[in-house]
Amino acid sequence: MLGLCAVLLTPTWGRAETRYVTDEVQITLRAGDSTRYKILKMLPSGTPLEVLGVNQTTKFARVRTADGTVGFVPDDQLKSEPAARNRLAELEARLAELQQNPDAVAARFAKTQTELAELKSRYQQLERDKQRLEQDLATIRHASANVLEVTTDRERLRVQVAALTRSGADLEQENRDLKNQANLRWFLSGAGVLAGGILLGLILPRLRLGRRKSAWGSL
């Protein structure tokens, strides 16, 4: 319970930012985040302050002045912009400067116009370069696709040629085998004829001799 109370009572501070004292004549910079603390100094309207944080419970902002003094002021007495009279004085000073130096203003305007024209020209050139690079990239991608396709076709043809080469070698071997078989058949046929002729040459004379002996025996 005490821990919860400590958390609830702990000041919560936001991030640092620059804000300005409101258009009131003066506000007090105090040593703590309530009116019970002593006043460190009076801050006139339009004083720039670096806001170090805001206590969301007490609604006091912890601030630092330009001279480094750190203190607390009511958050609702700070504005995000300088006081209106300070801004008016600044605008009046700038207007007076412009009125005193019309030629300088015209020169600055002309320079600004020239720089703007140069920027437009550079932008247009960059757009043209971008389009050219995109076209070149598309061409390279198309060429790469063609190269890949050609490489694939070459590989496919190489496989087909290798297959045809193997088929041709198989056919040549088969042709040689057939020729060898034919030669063997012719050789065997010739050998058979020769053997038959030899046998006939041996048998026929004996048959004739046997017939003659038979004829002589009958006489």
N, C-alpha and C. Protein backbone atom coordinates (compact mmCIF):
# COMPACT_ATOMS: atom_id res chain seq x y z
N MET A 1 0.83 -1.21 0.00
CA MET A 1 0.00 0.00 0.00
C MET A 1 0.86 1.25 0.00
N LEU A 2 1.91 1.23 0.85
CA LEU A 2 2.81 2.37 0.89
C LEU A 2 3.52 2.55 -0.44
N GLY A 3 3.87 1.39 -1.08
CA GLY A 3 4.53 1.48 -2.39
C GLY A 3 3.62 2.11 -3.42
N LEU A 4 2.31 1.74 -3.39
CA LEU A 4 1.35 2.33 -4.33
C LEU A 4 1.21 3.82 -4.10
N CYS A 5 1.15 4.22 -2.84
CA CYS A 5 1.04 5.65 -2.54
C CYS A 5 2.28 6.40 -3.00
N ALA A 6 3.45 5.76 -2.84
CA ALA A 6 4.69 6.42 -3.27
C ALA A 6 4.68 6.62 -4.77
N VAL A 7 4.17 5.60 -5.50
CA VAL A 7 4.09 5.73 -6.96
C VAL A 7 3.15 6.84 -7.35
N LEU A 8 1.98 6.92 -6.66
CA LEU A 8 0.99 7.94 -7.00
C LEU A 8 1.49 9.33 -6.67
N LEU A 9 2.30 9.46 -5.62
CA LEU A 9 2.78 10.78 -5.21
C LEU A 9 4.05 11.19 -5.93
N THR A 10 4.69 10.26 -6.67
CA THR A 10 5.92 10.60 -7.38
C THR A 10 5.60 11.51 -8.55
N PRO A 11 6.28 12.66 -8.69
CA PRO A 11 6.01 13.58 -9.82
C PRO A 11 6.30 12.89 -11.15
N THR A 12 5.47 13.17 -12.13
CA THR A 12 5.68 12.64 -13.48
C THR A 12 6.08 13.79 -14.38
N TRP A 13 7.23 13.67 -15.03
CA TRP A 13 7.78 14.75 -15.84
C TRP A 13 7.81 14.31 -17.29
N GLY A 14 7.43 15.21 -18.21
CA GLY A 14 7.49 14.94 -19.64
C GLY A 14 8.87 15.24 -20.19
N ARG A 15 9.02 15.18 -21.50
CA ARG A 15 10.32 15.44 -22.13
C ARG A 15 10.57 16.94 -22.22
N ALA A 16 11.86 17.31 -22.38
CA ALA A 16 12.26 18.72 -22.42
C ALA A 16 11.81 19.37 -23.71
N GLU A 17 11.41 20.65 -23.63
CA GLU A 17 11.03 21.44 -24.79
C GLU A 17 11.17 22.92 -24.42
N THR A 18 11.12 23.78 -25.45
CA THR A 18 11.23 25.23 -25.22
C THR A 18 9.84 25.85 -25.26
N ARG A 19 9.49 26.61 -24.22
CA ARG A 19 8.21 27.32 -24.18
C ARG A 19 8.47 28.72 -23.65
N TYR A 20 7.43 29.56 -23.68
CA TYR A 20 7.59 30.99 -23.38
C TYR A 20 6.58 31.41 -22.33
N VAL A 21 7.01 32.41 -21.53
CA VAL A 21 6.11 32.98 -20.53
C VAL A 21 4.96 33.68 -21.23
N THR A 22 3.75 33.50 -20.68
CA THR A 22 2.56 34.06 -21.31
C THR A 22 2.59 35.58 -21.34
N ASP A 23 1.56 36.18 -21.98
CA ASP A 23 1.54 37.63 -22.17
C ASP A 23 1.29 38.42 -20.89
N GLU A 24 1.18 37.74 -19.74
CA GLU A 24 1.04 38.49 -18.49
C GLU A 24 2.32 39.29 -18.25
N VAL A 25 2.21 40.26 -17.35
CA VAL A 25 3.36 41.15 -17.11
C VAL A 25 4.55 40.36 -16.58
N GLN A 26 4.36 39.60 -15.50
CA GLN A 26 5.42 38.82 -14.90
C GLN A 26 4.85 37.57 -14.25
N ILE A 27 5.67 36.52 -14.17
CA ILE A 27 5.30 35.34 -13.39
C ILE A 27 6.47 35.02 -12.47
N THR A 28 6.20 34.21 -11.46
CA THR A 28 7.23 33.90 -10.46
C THR A 28 7.91 32.57 -10.78
N LEU A 29 9.21 32.54 -10.65
CA LEU A 29 9.99 31.30 -10.75
C LEU A 29 10.28 30.85 -9.33
N ARG A 30 9.74 29.71 -8.91
CA ARG A 30 9.84 29.25 -7.53
C ARG A 30 10.83 28.09 -7.41
N ALA A 31 11.22 27.82 -6.16
CA ALA A 31 12.20 26.76 -5.89
C ALA A 31 11.56 25.38 -5.91
N GLY A 32 10.25 25.27 -5.80
CA GLY A 32 9.55 23.99 -5.81
C GLY A 32 8.29 24.06 -6.64
N ASP A 33 7.58 22.91 -6.72
CA ASP A 33 6.43 22.83 -7.62
C ASP A 33 5.12 23.16 -6.91
N SER A 34 5.12 24.23 -6.13
CA SER A 34 3.88 24.76 -5.55
C SER A 34 4.15 26.19 -5.10
N THR A 35 3.09 26.90 -4.75
CA THR A 35 3.23 28.30 -4.32
C THR A 35 3.79 28.40 -2.91
N ARG A 36 4.00 27.27 -2.23
CA ARG A 36 4.55 27.30 -0.88
C ARG A 36 6.06 27.55 -0.90
N TYR A 37 6.68 27.30 -2.07
CA TYR A 37 8.13 27.46 -2.14
C TYR A 37 8.49 28.91 -2.42
N LYS A 38 9.72 29.26 -2.05
CA LYS A 38 10.16 30.66 -2.19
C LYS A 38 10.33 31.04 -3.65
N ILE A 39 10.24 32.34 -3.90
CA ILE A 39 10.39 32.88 -5.25
C ILE A 39 11.88 33.09 -5.53
N LEU A 40 12.34 32.51 -6.64
CA LEU A 40 13.74 32.69 -7.04
C LEU A 40 13.93 33.98 -7.82
N LYS A 41 12.99 34.25 -8.73
CA LYS A 41 13.06 35.49 -9.51
C LYS A 41 11.74 35.71 -10.21
N MET A 42 11.56 36.91 -10.75
CA MET A 42 10.38 37.24 -11.54
C MET A 42 10.75 37.13 -13.01
N LEU A 43 9.86 36.53 -13.79
CA LEU A 43 10.11 36.33 -15.21
C LEU A 43 9.17 37.22 -16.01
N PRO A 44 9.70 38.14 -16.80
CA PRO A 44 8.83 39.02 -17.60
C PRO A 44 8.19 38.26 -18.75
N SER A 45 7.14 38.85 -19.32
CA SER A 45 6.42 38.24 -20.44
C SER A 45 7.37 38.01 -21.62
N GLY A 46 7.22 36.84 -22.26
CA GLY A 46 8.03 36.52 -23.44
C GLY A 46 9.36 35.89 -23.12
N THR A 47 9.67 35.66 -21.82
CA THR A 47 10.95 35.05 -21.47
C THR A 47 10.99 33.60 -21.96
N PRO A 48 12.01 33.22 -22.75
CA PRO A 48 12.11 31.83 -23.20
C PRO A 48 12.61 30.93 -22.07
N LEU A 49 11.97 29.80 -21.90
CA LEU A 49 12.33 28.86 -20.85
C LEU A 49 12.44 27.46 -21.45
N GLU A 50 13.45 26.72 -21.00
CA GLU A 50 13.57 25.31 -21.40
C GLU A 50 12.79 24.46 -20.40
N VAL A 51 11.74 23.83 -20.89
CA VAL A 51 10.91 23.01 -20.01
C VAL A 51 11.56 21.64 -19.85
N LEU A 52 11.94 21.30 -18.62
CA LEU A 52 12.60 20.03 -18.34
C LEU A 52 11.59 18.93 -18.02
N GLY A 53 10.38 19.31 -17.66
CA GLY A 53 9.35 18.33 -17.36
C GLY A 53 8.16 19.01 -16.73
N VAL A 54 7.04 18.27 -16.67
CA VAL A 54 5.81 18.81 -16.09
C VAL A 54 5.27 17.80 -15.09
N ASN A 55 5.02 18.25 -13.87
CA ASN A 55 4.39 17.41 -12.85
C ASN A 55 2.89 17.41 -13.12
N GLN A 56 2.37 16.25 -13.58
CA GLN A 56 0.96 16.19 -13.95
C GLN A 56 0.04 16.28 -12.74
N THR A 57 0.59 16.11 -11.55
CA THR A 57 -0.23 16.20 -10.34
C THR A 57 -0.38 17.64 -9.89
N THR A 58 0.74 18.35 -9.75
CA THR A 58 0.70 19.74 -9.27
C THR A 58 0.52 20.75 -10.41
N LYS A 59 0.70 20.28 -11.66
CA LYS A 59 0.58 21.15 -12.84
C LYS A 59 1.63 22.25 -12.83
N PHE A 60 2.79 21.96 -12.26
CA PHE A 60 3.92 22.88 -12.31
C PHE A 60 4.97 22.32 -13.27
N ALA A 61 5.59 23.22 -14.02
CA ALA A 61 6.64 22.82 -14.96
C ALA A 61 8.00 23.12 -14.37
N ARG A 62 8.92 22.18 -14.52
CA ARG A 62 10.31 22.41 -14.10
C ARG A 62 11.04 23.01 -15.30
N VAL A 63 11.63 24.20 -15.12
CA VAL A 63 12.18 24.94 -16.26
C VAL A 63 13.60 25.40 -15.94
N ARG A 64 14.30 25.78 -17.03
CA ARG A 64 15.62 26.36 -16.90
C ARG A 64 15.66 27.63 -17.73
N THR A 65 16.16 28.72 -17.12
CA THR A 65 16.24 30.01 -17.82
C THR A 65 17.50 30.07 -18.67
N ALA A 66 17.63 31.13 -19.43
CA ALA A 66 18.79 31.29 -20.31
C ALA A 66 20.09 31.39 -19.52
N ASP A 67 20.03 31.90 -18.28
CA ASP A 67 21.25 32.00 -17.47
C ASP A 67 21.53 30.75 -16.66
N GLY A 68 20.72 29.68 -16.86
CA GLY A 68 20.97 28.40 -16.20
C GLY A 68 20.21 28.18 -14.92
N THR A 69 19.39 29.13 -14.48
CA THR A 69 18.63 28.96 -13.25
C THR A 69 17.51 27.95 -13.46
N VAL A 70 17.41 26.98 -12.55
CA VAL A 70 16.37 25.95 -12.63
C VAL A 70 15.35 26.21 -11.54
N GLY A 71 14.07 26.19 -11.91
CA GLY A 71 13.00 26.41 -10.95
C GLY A 71 11.69 25.89 -11.50
N PHE A 72 10.59 26.33 -10.86
CA PHE A 72 9.27 25.82 -11.21
C PHE A 72 8.31 26.97 -11.46
N VAL A 73 7.45 26.81 -12.47
CA VAL A 73 6.42 27.80 -12.79
C VAL A 73 5.14 27.05 -13.11
N PRO A 74 3.97 27.69 -12.93
CA PRO A 74 2.71 27.04 -13.32
C PRO A 74 2.71 26.73 -14.82
N ASP A 75 2.35 25.50 -15.15
CA ASP A 75 2.39 25.08 -16.55
C ASP A 75 1.43 25.87 -17.42
N ASP A 76 0.28 26.29 -16.84
CA ASP A 76 -0.71 27.01 -17.64
C ASP A 76 -0.29 28.44 -17.94
N GLN A 77 0.85 28.88 -17.40
CA GLN A 77 1.35 30.22 -17.69
C GLN A 77 2.46 30.20 -18.75
N LEU A 78 2.61 29.05 -19.40
CA LEU A 78 3.60 28.92 -20.47
C LEU A 78 2.90 28.71 -21.81
N LYS A 79 3.51 29.21 -22.87
CA LYS A 79 2.96 29.08 -24.22
C LYS A 79 4.02 28.46 -25.12
N SER A 80 3.56 27.84 -26.21
CA SER A 80 4.48 27.20 -27.15
C SER A 80 5.11 28.20 -28.09
N GLU A 81 4.57 29.42 -28.17
CA GLU A 81 5.09 30.46 -29.05
C GLU A 81 5.42 31.70 -28.23
N PRO A 82 6.31 32.55 -28.74
CA PRO A 82 6.62 33.79 -28.02
C PRO A 82 5.38 34.65 -27.83
N ALA A 83 5.47 35.58 -26.91
CA ALA A 83 4.35 36.49 -26.66
C ALA A 83 4.01 37.28 -27.92
N ALA A 84 2.73 37.63 -28.05
CA ALA A 84 2.27 38.31 -29.27
C ALA A 84 3.01 39.62 -29.49
N ARG A 85 3.23 40.38 -28.42
CA ARG A 85 3.89 41.67 -28.61
C ARG A 85 5.35 41.48 -29.01
N ASN A 86 5.98 40.40 -28.53
CA ASN A 86 7.35 40.13 -28.96
C ASN A 86 7.41 39.76 -30.43
N ARG A 87 6.45 38.93 -30.87
CA ARG A 87 6.40 38.55 -32.29
C ARG A 87 6.10 39.77 -33.15
N LEU A 88 5.20 40.65 -32.65
CA LEU A 88 4.87 41.86 -33.40
C LEU A 88 6.10 42.75 -33.54
N ALA A 89 6.86 42.87 -32.47
CA ALA A 89 8.08 43.69 -32.54
C ALA A 89 9.08 43.09 -33.52
N GLU A 90 9.17 41.77 -33.53
CA GLU A 90 10.10 41.11 -34.46
C GLU A 90 9.67 41.34 -35.91
N LEU A 91 8.35 41.23 -36.16
CA LEU A 91 7.84 41.44 -37.51
C LEU A 91 8.04 42.89 -37.95
N GLU A 92 7.82 43.82 -37.02
CA GLU A 92 8.02 45.24 -37.36
C GLU A 92 9.49 45.51 -37.70
N ALA A 93 10.41 44.88 -36.97
CA ALA A 93 11.83 45.07 -37.25
C ALA A 93 12.19 44.51 -38.63
N ARG A 94 11.65 43.33 -38.95
CA ARG A 94 11.94 42.74 -40.26
C ARG A 94 11.35 43.58 -41.38
N LEU A 95 10.14 44.12 -41.15
CA LEU A 95 9.51 44.96 -42.17
C LEU A 95 10.32 46.22 -42.39
N ALA A 96 10.80 46.81 -41.31
CA ALA A 96 11.62 48.02 -41.45
C ALA A 96 12.90 47.72 -42.22
N GLU A 97 13.49 46.55 -41.95
CA GLU A 97 14.71 46.16 -42.67
C GLU A 97 14.44 45.99 -44.15
N LEU A 98 13.30 45.37 -44.47
CA LEU A 98 12.96 45.16 -45.87
C LEU A 98 12.69 46.49 -46.58
N GLN A 99 12.03 47.40 -45.86
CA GLN A 99 11.73 48.70 -46.47
C GLN A 99 12.99 49.52 -46.70
N GLN A 100 13.98 49.34 -45.84
CA GLN A 100 15.22 50.09 -45.99
C GLN A 100 16.11 49.53 -47.09
N ASN A 101 15.96 48.25 -47.40
CA ASN A 101 16.82 47.61 -48.41
C ASN A 101 15.97 46.89 -49.46
N PRO A 102 15.19 47.64 -50.25
CA PRO A 102 14.36 46.97 -51.27
C PRO A 102 15.21 46.26 -52.32
N ASP A 103 16.37 46.84 -52.66
CA ASP A 103 17.22 46.20 -53.67
C ASP A 103 17.74 44.85 -53.17
N ALA A 104 18.10 44.82 -51.90
CA ALA A 104 18.59 43.55 -51.34
C ALA A 104 17.49 42.50 -51.34
N VAL A 105 16.26 42.95 -51.04
CA VAL A 105 15.13 42.01 -51.06
C VAL A 105 14.91 41.49 -52.47
N ALA A 106 14.96 42.39 -53.46
CA ALA A 106 14.78 41.97 -54.85
C ALA A 106 15.88 41.00 -55.28
N ALA A 107 17.12 41.30 -54.85
CA ALA A 107 18.23 40.41 -55.20
C ALA A 107 18.05 39.03 -54.57
N ARG A 108 17.63 39.01 -53.31
CA ARG A 108 17.39 37.72 -52.65
C ARG A 108 16.27 36.96 -53.33
N PHE A 109 15.22 37.68 -53.74
CA PHE A 109 14.12 37.03 -54.42
C PHE A 109 14.58 36.45 -55.76
N ALA A 110 15.37 37.24 -56.51
CA ALA A 110 15.87 36.76 -57.80
C ALA A 110 16.77 35.55 -57.61
N LYS A 111 17.62 35.60 -56.58
CA LYS A 111 18.50 34.46 -56.30
C LYS A 111 17.69 33.22 -55.95
N THR A 112 16.65 33.45 -55.16
CA THR A 112 15.79 32.33 -54.78
C THR A 112 15.12 31.73 -56.00
N GLN A 113 14.64 32.59 -56.91
CA GLN A 113 14.00 32.10 -58.13
C GLN A 113 14.99 31.31 -58.98
N THR A 114 16.24 31.81 -59.07
CA THR A 114 17.26 31.10 -59.85
C THR A 114 17.56 29.73 -59.25
N GLU A 115 17.71 29.71 -57.92
CA GLU A 115 17.97 28.43 -57.25
C GLU A 115 16.81 27.47 -57.43
N LEU A 116 15.58 28.00 -57.40
CA LEU A 116 14.41 27.17 -57.61
C LEU A 116 14.40 26.58 -59.02
N ALA A 117 14.74 27.42 -60.02
CA ALA A 117 14.80 26.93 -61.40
C ALA A 117 15.87 25.85 -61.55
N GLU A 118 17.02 26.06 -60.89
CA GLU A 118 18.09 25.06 -60.95
C GLU A 118 17.65 23.74 -60.30
N LEU A 119 16.96 23.86 -59.18
CA LEU A 119 16.47 22.66 -58.51
C LEU A 119 15.46 21.91 -59.38
N LYS A 120 14.58 22.65 -60.05
CA LYS A 120 13.61 22.01 -60.94
C LYS A 120 14.32 21.31 -62.09
N SER A 121 15.35 21.99 -62.66
CA SER A 121 16.11 21.39 -63.75
C SER A 121 16.81 20.11 -63.29
N ARG A 122 17.42 20.17 -62.10
CA ARG A 122 18.09 18.98 -61.58
C ARG A 122 17.10 17.86 -61.32
N TYR A 123 15.92 18.22 -60.82
CA TYR A 123 14.90 17.21 -60.57
C TYR A 123 14.46 16.54 -61.87
N GLN A 124 14.24 17.36 -62.91
CA GLN A 124 13.84 16.80 -64.19
C GLN A 124 14.94 15.90 -64.76
N GLN A 125 16.21 16.33 -64.61
CA GLN A 125 17.31 15.50 -65.09
C GLN A 125 17.38 14.18 -64.32
N LEU A 126 17.17 14.27 -63.02
CA LEU A 126 17.16 13.05 -62.21
C LEU A 126 16.03 12.12 -62.63
N GLU A 127 14.87 12.68 -62.97
CA GLU A 127 13.76 11.87 -63.44
C GLU A 127 14.10 11.18 -64.75
N ARG A 128 14.75 11.93 -65.67
CA ARG A 128 15.16 11.33 -66.95
C ARG A 128 16.19 10.23 -66.71
N ASP A 129 17.15 10.49 -65.82
CA ASP A 129 18.16 9.47 -65.52
C ASP A 129 17.51 8.23 -64.90
N LYS A 130 16.52 8.47 -64.05
CA LYS A 130 15.82 7.35 -63.42
C LYS A 130 15.11 6.50 -64.47
N GLN A 131 14.41 7.16 -65.40
CA GLN A 131 13.72 6.41 -66.45
C GLN A 131 14.70 5.64 -67.33
N ARG A 132 15.85 6.28 -67.65
CA ARG A 132 16.85 5.60 -68.48
C ARG A 132 17.41 4.37 -67.75
N LEU A 133 17.69 4.53 -66.46
CA LEU A 133 18.22 3.41 -65.69
C LEU A 133 17.20 2.28 -65.59
N GLU A 134 15.92 2.65 -65.44
CA GLU A 134 14.88 1.62 -65.38
C GLU A 134 14.78 0.87 -66.71
N GLN A 135 14.91 1.60 -67.84
CA GLN A 135 14.89 0.95 -69.14
C GLN A 135 16.11 0.04 -69.31
N ASP A 136 17.29 0.54 -68.89
CA ASP A 136 18.50 -0.28 -68.97
C ASP A 136 18.35 -1.54 -68.13
N LEU A 137 17.78 -1.39 -66.95
CA LEU A 137 17.59 -2.54 -66.08
C LEU A 137 16.63 -3.55 -66.71
N ALA A 138 15.56 -3.04 -67.34
CA ALA A 138 14.62 -3.95 -68.01
C ALA A 138 15.31 -4.67 -69.16
N THR A 139 16.15 -3.95 -69.92
CA THR A 139 16.88 -4.57 -71.03
C THR A 139 17.83 -5.65 -70.51
N ILE A 140 18.54 -5.34 -69.43
CA ILE A 140 19.48 -6.31 -68.86
C ILE A 140 18.74 -7.55 -68.37
N ARG A 141 17.59 -7.33 -67.74
CA ARG A 141 16.82 -8.48 -67.26
C ARG A 141 16.34 -9.33 -68.43
N HIS A 142 15.89 -8.66 -69.52
CA HIS A 142 15.44 -9.40 -70.69
C HIS A 142 16.59 -10.18 -71.30
N ALA A 143 17.76 -9.52 -71.41
CA ALA A 143 18.94 -10.19 -71.97
C ALA A 143 19.36 -11.36 -71.09
N SER A 144 19.30 -11.17 -69.79
CA SER A 144 19.66 -12.25 -68.88
C SER A 144 18.71 -13.43 -69.04
N ALA A 145 17.43 -13.12 -69.22
CA ALA A 145 16.46 -14.19 -69.43
C ALA A 145 16.76 -14.93 -70.72
N ASN A 146 17.14 -14.18 -71.79
CA ASN A 146 17.48 -14.82 -73.06
C ASN A 146 18.72 -15.69 -72.92
N VAL A 147 19.72 -15.17 -72.21
CA VAL A 147 20.95 -15.95 -72.01
C VAL A 147 20.64 -17.23 -71.26
N LEU A 148 19.80 -17.13 -70.24
CA LEU A 148 19.42 -18.32 -69.49
C LEU A 148 18.68 -19.31 -70.37
N GLU A 149 17.80 -18.78 -71.23
CA GLU A 149 17.05 -19.65 -72.13
C GLU A 149 17.99 -20.33 -73.12
N VAL A 150 18.94 -19.56 -73.69
CA VAL A 150 19.91 -20.14 -74.63
C VAL A 150 20.75 -21.20 -73.94
N THR A 151 21.18 -20.91 -72.72
CA THR A 151 21.98 -21.88 -71.98
C THR A 151 21.19 -23.16 -71.73
N THR A 152 19.91 -23.00 -71.40
CA THR A 152 19.06 -24.17 -71.18
C THR A 152 18.91 -24.97 -72.47
N ASP A 153 18.70 -24.27 -73.61
CA ASP A 153 18.58 -24.96 -74.89
C ASP A 153 19.87 -25.69 -75.24
N ARG A 154 21.01 -25.04 -75.02
CA ARG A 154 22.29 -25.68 -75.32
C ARG A 154 22.48 -26.93 -74.47
N GLU A 155 22.11 -26.86 -73.21
CA GLU A 155 22.24 -28.03 -72.35
C GLU A 155 21.32 -29.15 -72.81
N ARG A 156 20.10 -28.78 -73.21
CA ARG A 156 19.18 -29.80 -73.70
C ARG A 156 19.69 -30.45 -74.98
N LEU A 157 20.24 -29.62 -75.90
CA LEU A 157 20.80 -30.16 -77.14
C LEU A 157 22.01 -31.04 -76.85
N ARG A 158 22.83 -30.63 -75.87
CA ARG A 158 23.99 -31.44 -75.53
C ARG A 158 23.57 -32.82 -75.03
N VAL A 159 22.52 -32.83 -74.21
CA VAL A 159 22.01 -34.12 -73.72
C VAL A 159 21.48 -34.96 -74.87
N GLN A 160 20.76 -34.30 -75.80
CA GLN A 160 20.22 -35.03 -76.95
C GLN A 160 21.34 -35.58 -77.83
N VAL A 161 22.38 -34.76 -78.07
CA VAL A 161 23.52 -35.22 -78.89
C VAL A 161 24.21 -36.40 -78.21
N ALA A 162 24.39 -36.31 -76.89
CA ALA A 162 25.02 -37.42 -76.17
C ALA A 162 24.18 -38.68 -76.28
N ALA A 163 22.85 -38.53 -76.19
CA ALA A 163 21.97 -39.69 -76.32
C ALA A 163 22.05 -40.27 -77.72
N LEU A 164 22.05 -39.39 -78.75
CA LEU A 164 22.16 -39.86 -80.13
C LEU A 164 23.50 -40.53 -80.38
N THR A 165 24.56 -39.98 -79.78
CA THR A 165 25.89 -40.59 -79.94
C THR A 165 25.91 -41.99 -79.35
N ARG A 166 25.31 -42.14 -78.16
CA ARG A 166 25.24 -43.47 -77.56
C ARG A 166 24.40 -44.41 -78.42
N SER A 167 23.30 -43.90 -78.96
CA SER A 167 22.45 -44.73 -79.83
C SER A 167 23.21 -45.14 -81.08
N GLY A 168 23.97 -44.20 -81.69
CA GLY A 168 24.76 -44.52 -82.88
C GLY A 168 25.81 -45.56 -82.58
N ALA A 169 26.48 -45.44 -81.43
CA ALA A 169 27.48 -46.43 -81.06
C ALA A 169 26.84 -47.79 -80.85
N ASP A 170 25.66 -47.81 -80.23
CA ASP A 170 24.96 -49.08 -80.04
C ASP A 170 24.59 -49.70 -81.38
N LEU A 171 24.11 -48.86 -82.32
CA LEU A 171 23.75 -49.38 -83.64
C LEU A 171 24.97 -49.92 -84.38
N GLU A 172 26.09 -49.20 -84.29
CA GLU A 172 27.30 -49.68 -84.95
C GLU A 172 27.75 -51.02 -84.36
N GLN A 173 27.68 -51.15 -83.05
CA GLN A 173 28.05 -52.41 -82.42
C GLN A 173 27.12 -53.53 -82.85
N GLU A 174 25.82 -53.21 -82.91
CA GLU A 174 24.85 -54.22 -83.34
C GLU A 174 25.10 -54.61 -84.79
N ASN A 175 25.45 -53.63 -85.64
CA ASN A 175 25.76 -53.92 -87.04
C ASN A 175 26.98 -54.82 -87.15
N ARG A 176 28.00 -54.51 -86.33
CA ARG A 176 29.19 -55.36 -86.35
C ARG A 176 28.86 -56.77 -85.89
N ASP A 177 28.02 -56.88 -84.88
CA ASP A 177 27.63 -58.21 -84.40
C ASP A 177 26.88 -58.98 -85.48
N LEU A 178 25.98 -58.30 -86.20
CA LEU A 178 25.24 -58.96 -87.27
C LEU A 178 26.18 -59.42 -88.38
N LYS A 179 27.13 -58.55 -88.74
CA LYS A 179 28.10 -58.93 -89.78
C LYS A 179 28.92 -60.14 -89.34
N ASN A 180 29.34 -60.13 -88.09
CA ASN A 180 30.12 -61.26 -87.59
C ASN A 180 29.29 -62.55 -87.62
N GLN A 181 28.02 -62.43 -87.24
CA GLN A 181 27.15 -63.61 -87.28
C GLN A 181 26.96 -64.10 -88.71
N ALA A 182 26.79 -63.15 -89.66
CA ALA A 182 26.63 -63.55 -91.07
C ALA A 182 27.89 -64.22 -91.59
N ASN A 183 29.04 -63.64 -91.27
CA ASN A 183 30.30 -64.24 -91.71
C ASN A 183 30.47 -65.64 -91.12
N LEU A 184 30.07 -65.77 -89.84
CA LEU A 184 30.18 -67.08 -89.23
C LEU A 184 29.28 -68.10 -89.92
N ARG A 185 28.05 -67.66 -90.27
CA ARG A 185 27.15 -68.58 -90.96
C ARG A 185 27.71 -68.98 -92.32
N TRP A 186 28.27 -67.99 -93.04
CA TRP A 186 28.86 -68.31 -94.34
C TRP A 186 30.05 -69.26 -94.19
N PHE A 187 30.84 -69.00 -93.13
CA PHE A 187 31.99 -69.88 -92.92
C PHE A 187 31.55 -71.30 -92.60
N LEU A 188 30.52 -71.39 -91.73
CA LEU A 188 30.04 -72.72 -91.37
C LEU A 188 29.41 -73.42 -92.57
N SER A 189 28.70 -72.63 -93.38
CA SER A 189 28.10 -73.24 -94.58
C SER A 189 29.18 -73.74 -95.53
N GLY A 190 30.20 -72.90 -95.72
CA GLY A 190 31.30 -73.31 -96.61
C GLY A 190 32.03 -74.51 -96.07
N ALA A 191 32.25 -74.51 -94.76
CA ALA A 191 32.93 -75.67 -94.16
C ALA A 191 32.09 -76.92 -94.30
N GLY A 192 30.78 -76.78 -94.18
CA GLY A 192 29.90 -77.95 -94.33
C GLY A 192 29.93 -78.49 -95.75
N VAL A 193 29.91 -77.56 -96.71
CA VAL A 193 29.98 -78.00 -98.12
C VAL A 193 31.30 -78.71 -98.39
N LEU A 194 32.38 -78.12 -97.86
CA LEU A 194 33.70 -78.72 -98.08
C LEU A 194 33.78 -80.09 -97.44
N ALA A 195 33.26 -80.19 -96.21
CA ALA A 195 33.28 -81.49 -95.53
C ALA A 195 32.43 -82.50 -96.28
N GLY A 196 31.30 -82.03 -96.79
CA GLY A 196 30.44 -82.94 -97.56
C GLY A 196 31.13 -83.42 -98.83
N GLY A 197 31.82 -82.48 -99.46
CA GLY A 197 32.55 -82.86 -100.69
C GLY A 197 33.64 -83.87 -100.39
N ILE A 198 34.32 -83.68 -99.28
CA ILE A 198 35.38 -84.63 -98.92
C ILE A 198 34.79 -86.00 -98.64
N LEU A 199 33.69 -86.01 -97.88
CA LEU A 199 33.05 -87.29 -97.59
C LEU A 199 32.58 -87.99 -98.86
N LEU A 200 31.98 -87.21 -99.74
CA LEU A 200 31.54 -87.82 -101.01
C LEU A 200 32.72 -88.34 -101.80
N GLY A 201 33.82 -87.54 -101.72
CA GLY A 201 35.02 -88.00 -102.45
C GLY A 201 35.57 -89.29 -101.89
N LEU A 202 35.37 -89.52 -100.60
CA LEU A 202 35.86 -90.75 -99.99
C LEU A 202 34.87 -91.90 -100.16
N ILE A 203 33.61 -91.61 -100.14
CA ILE A 203 32.60 -92.67 -100.17
C ILE A 203 32.33 -93.16 -101.58
N LEU A 204 32.23 -92.25 -102.52
CA LEU A 204 31.86 -92.66 -103.89
C LEU A 204 32.85 -93.67 -104.49
N PRO A 205 34.14 -93.49 -104.38
CA PRO A 205 35.06 -94.50 -104.95
C PRO A 205 34.85 -95.87 -104.32
N ARG A 206 34.59 -95.93 -103.03
CA ARG A 206 34.37 -97.22 -102.39
C ARG A 206 33.08 -97.86 -102.88
N LEU A 207 32.07 -97.01 -103.08
CA LEU A 207 30.82 -97.57 -103.61
C LEU A 207 31.03 -98.16 -104.99
N ARG A 208 31.77 -97.45 -105.81
CA ARG A 208 32.05 -97.97 -107.15
C ARG A 208 32.88 -99.27 -107.08
N LEU A 209 33.86 -99.28 -106.18
CA LEU A 209 34.70 -100.48 -106.05
C LEU A 209 33.88 -101.65 -105.56
N GLY A 210 32.96 -101.42 -104.69
CA GLY A 210 32.11 -102.49 -104.17
C GLY A 210 31.22 -103.03 -105.27
N ARG A 211 30.72 -102.16 -106.12
CA ARG A 211 29.87 -102.62 -107.22
C ARG A 211 30.67 -103.50 -108.19
N ARG A 212 31.90 -103.08 -108.46
CA ARG A 212 32.72 -103.87 -109.39
C ARG A 212 33.00 -105.26 -108.82
N LYS A 213 33.30 -105.29 -107.52
CA LYS A 213 33.56 -106.61 -106.92
C LYS A 213 32.32 -107.48 -106.99
N SER A 214 31.20 -106.90 -106.81
CA SER A 214 29.96 -107.68 -106.88
C SER A 214 29.74 -108.22 -108.30
N ALA A 215 30.08 -107.37 -109.24
CA ALA A 215 29.91 -107.79 -110.65
C ALA A 215 30.87 -108.93 -110.98
N TRP A 216 32.09 -108.85 -110.51
CA TRP A 216 33.07 -109.91 -110.78
C TRP A 216 32.67 -111.22 -110.08
N GLY A 217 32.08 -111.07 -108.93
CA GLY A 217 31.70 -112.28 -108.20
C GLY A 217 30.58 -113.02 -108.91
N SER A 218 29.74 -112.32 -109.59
CA SER A 218 28.63 -112.96 -110.29
C SER A 218 29.10 -113.69 -111.53
N LEU A 219 30.27 -113.32 -112.06
CA LEU A 219 30.81 -114.00 -113.22
C LEU A 219 31.42 -115.30 -112.76
